Protein backbone atom coordinates (compact mmCIF):
# COMPACT_ATOMS: atom_id res chain seq x y z
CA MET A 1 0.21 -0.20 0.08
CA ALA A 2 2.94 2.23 0.88
CA ARG A 3 4.68 1.61 -2.13
CA SER A 4 1.58 2.41 -4.73
CA ALA A 5 1.07 5.52 -2.61
CA ILE A 6 4.21 6.80 -3.08
CA ALA A 7 4.10 6.10 -6.87
CA LEU A 8 1.32 7.94 -7.29
CA LEU A 9 3.01 10.74 -5.71
CA GLY A 10 5.60 10.32 -7.87
CA LEU A 11 3.39 10.42 -11.21
CA LEU A 12 1.54 13.55 -9.14
CA LEU A 13 4.55 15.35 -9.14
CA ALA A 14 6.34 14.31 -12.61
CA GLY A 15 3.43 16.03 -13.83
CA CYS A 16 3.54 19.02 -12.05
CA ALA A 17 6.72 19.45 -13.75
CA GLY A 18 7.29 22.25 -16.75
CA PRO A 19 7.47 20.72 -20.04
CA ARG A 20 10.96 19.98 -21.27
CA PRO A 21 12.23 22.06 -24.31
CA PRO A 22 13.39 19.70 -27.23
CA GLU A 23 16.67 18.23 -27.14
CA GLU A 24 17.74 20.43 -30.19
CA LEU A 25 17.64 23.40 -27.72
CA SER A 26 19.61 21.82 -25.14
CA GLY A 27 22.93 23.46 -24.51
CA LEU A 28 24.12 26.98 -24.37
CA TRP A 29 23.12 29.20 -27.75
CA SER A 30 24.95 32.43 -28.80
CA ALA A 31 25.04 35.41 -31.58
CA GLY A 32 28.32 33.52 -32.48
CA PRO A 33 31.96 32.29 -31.59
CA ALA A 34 33.23 34.93 -29.34
CA ALA A 35 30.13 34.94 -27.15
CA CYS A 36 30.19 31.37 -26.96
CA ALA A 37 33.57 31.31 -26.02
CA ALA A 38 33.03 33.63 -23.36
CA GLY A 39 29.98 31.95 -21.92
CA VAL A 40 27.21 34.92 -23.17
CA GLY A 41 24.38 33.53 -24.71
CA VAL A 42 20.38 32.02 -24.59
CA ARG A 43 19.43 28.50 -22.78
CA PHE A 44 16.18 27.03 -23.23
CA ARG A 45 15.10 25.47 -19.97
CA ALA A 46 11.83 24.35 -18.79
CA GLU A 47 10.67 26.99 -16.75
CA ALA A 48 12.28 30.13 -18.37
CA ILE A 49 14.35 31.04 -20.99
CA GLU A 50 17.23 32.46 -20.12
CA ALA A 51 19.83 34.99 -20.89
CA VAL A 52 23.67 34.03 -19.68
CA TYR A 53 26.25 36.44 -18.87
CA ASP A 54 29.15 35.90 -16.82
CA ASP A 55 27.59 34.38 -13.56
CA GLU A 56 24.38 35.92 -14.02
CA VAL A 57 21.18 34.59 -15.48
CA GLU A 58 18.25 37.09 -16.23
CA THR A 59 14.99 35.61 -17.20
CA LEU A 60 13.73 36.42 -20.95
CA PHE A 61 10.32 34.46 -21.17
CA SER A 62 9.18 32.88 -18.39
CA GLN A 63 7.19 29.44 -18.43
CA PRO A 64 7.75 28.79 -22.25
CA GLN A 65 5.25 25.67 -23.60
CA TYR A 66 7.00 24.09 -26.43
CA GLU A 67 5.46 22.61 -29.25
CA ILE A 68 7.54 20.76 -31.85
CA GLU A 69 5.94 21.79 -35.25
CA GLU A 70 8.11 19.81 -37.77
CA ARG A 71 11.08 17.66 -36.31
CA THR A 72 12.66 15.92 -39.69
CA GLU A 73 16.40 15.20 -40.75
CA ARG A 74 16.69 18.76 -42.19
CA ALA A 75 14.02 20.62 -40.58
CA PHE A 76 13.22 22.01 -37.46
CA ARG A 77 10.20 24.08 -36.20
CA VAL A 78 9.64 24.87 -32.60
CA ARG A 79 6.53 27.06 -31.52
CA ILE A 80 6.70 28.29 -27.82
CA VAL A 81 3.99 30.18 -25.87
CA TYR A 82 5.28 32.17 -22.90
CA HIS A 83 3.47 34.53 -20.33
CA LEU A 84 4.13 37.97 -20.16
CA PRO A 85 5.67 39.41 -16.78
CA ARG A 86 3.83 40.67 -14.39
CA LEU A 87 4.04 44.10 -13.23
CA GLY A 88 3.68 45.35 -9.78
CA SER A 89 1.48 48.32 -11.00
CA GLY A 90 -0.37 46.67 -13.10
CA ALA A 91 -3.93 44.78 -13.43
CA GLY A 92 -4.33 41.39 -11.04
CA THR A 93 -4.02 39.24 -14.88
CA VAL A 94 -2.28 39.56 -17.47
CA GLY A 95 -4.84 38.23 -19.87
CA ALA A 96 -2.02 38.06 -22.77
CA HIS A 97 1.07 35.87 -23.56
CA GLY A 98 3.29 35.51 -26.57
CA VAL A 99 4.09 33.24 -29.43
CA LEU A 100 7.37 32.48 -30.74
CA ILE A 101 8.05 30.16 -33.84
CA LEU A 102 12.18 28.97 -34.07
CA ALA A 103 13.11 27.50 -37.06
CA ARG A 104 16.55 25.86 -38.14
CA GLN A 105 18.46 27.64 -40.54
CA GLU A 106 21.11 26.91 -43.00
CA ASP A 107 24.02 26.94 -41.33
CA GLY A 108 22.85 25.32 -37.99
CA GLY A 109 21.57 27.82 -36.29
CA ILE A 110 18.03 28.69 -35.19
CA ALA A 111 15.92 32.03 -35.76
CA ALA A 112 12.79 33.42 -34.97
CA VAL A 113 10.38 33.33 -37.95
CA ALA A 114 7.09 34.50 -35.99
CA HIS A 115 6.52 36.53 -32.71
CA THR A 116 3.41 37.33 -31.99
CA LEU A 117 1.56 39.18 -28.76
CA VAL A 118 -1.89 37.57 -28.30
CA ASP A 119 -4.40 39.46 -25.57
CA GLY A 120 -5.99 36.29 -24.02
CA LEU A 121 -9.32 38.15 -23.32
CA THR A 122 -10.46 39.43 -27.25
CA GLY A 123 -7.83 36.86 -29.29
CA ALA A 124 -6.24 40.40 -30.75
CA ALA A 125 -2.84 39.14 -32.06
CA ARG A 126 -0.09 42.02 -32.33
CA VAL A 127 2.70 41.34 -34.70
CA ARG A 128 5.87 43.33 -35.61
CA ILE A 129 6.86 43.41 -39.13
CA VAL A 130 10.26 45.22 -39.08
CA ASN A 131 13.03 45.69 -35.61
CA ASP A 132 11.34 43.01 -33.42
CA PRO A 133 13.59 42.90 -30.73
CA ALA A 134 12.74 39.40 -29.75
CA SER A 135 13.56 38.25 -33.85
CA SER A 136 17.08 39.78 -33.30
CA LEU A 137 17.81 38.41 -30.03
CA LEU A 138 16.97 34.70 -30.64
CA ALA A 139 18.99 34.76 -34.38
CA LEU A 140 21.49 32.21 -32.96
CA GLU A 141 23.94 29.27 -33.38
CA PRO A 142 24.65 26.50 -31.06
CA CYS A 143 27.64 26.28 -28.81
CA GLY A 144 29.66 23.29 -28.90
CA ALA A 145 29.26 20.01 -30.42
CA HIS A 146 25.26 19.77 -32.33
CA PRO A 147 24.01 17.38 -34.42
CA TRP A 148 22.95 19.81 -36.66
CA ARG A 149 26.92 21.15 -37.61
CA GLU A 150 28.39 18.30 -37.80
CA ASP A 151 28.51 15.50 -40.44
CA LEU A 152 27.90 11.61 -40.72
CA ARG A 153 31.02 11.00 -38.91
CA GLY A 154 30.44 13.31 -35.94
CA ARG A 155 33.17 15.81 -37.04
CA VAL A 156 32.54 19.58 -37.68
CA PRO A 157 33.19 20.27 -41.73
CA ALA A 158 35.47 22.55 -42.95
């Protein structure tokens, strides 16, 4: 009986954990080799998408929900729904969320191909056509070894 209760509790706690990001997004992602060498970049985690620099971590997008839209040998596309931050002086409920779509690029990096803010109460969507900071921030390449950047023998192509 005690084992059954412990097993049930374990299942319930596992269900409370946030969804994990796809394994393709694991590790540190940066804007280039110099940023990778300095340990500066973005990490995709279950509880947040974080900016990492020196010994500091800053939350960019909280409570992301990852949904893979396409996963093939040559293509990868993930939809990320995230919560907007709550401001102390604002309303009790946010009512809005953001939607990012990241896609694999030819060079083995990722980039935001769409970014939308959706009002949860009215359903109205705001799409930025140019100068979206999230789109420029999320044009990234993986730091270290990554399957998208290696040939069949596990070596980085010259």
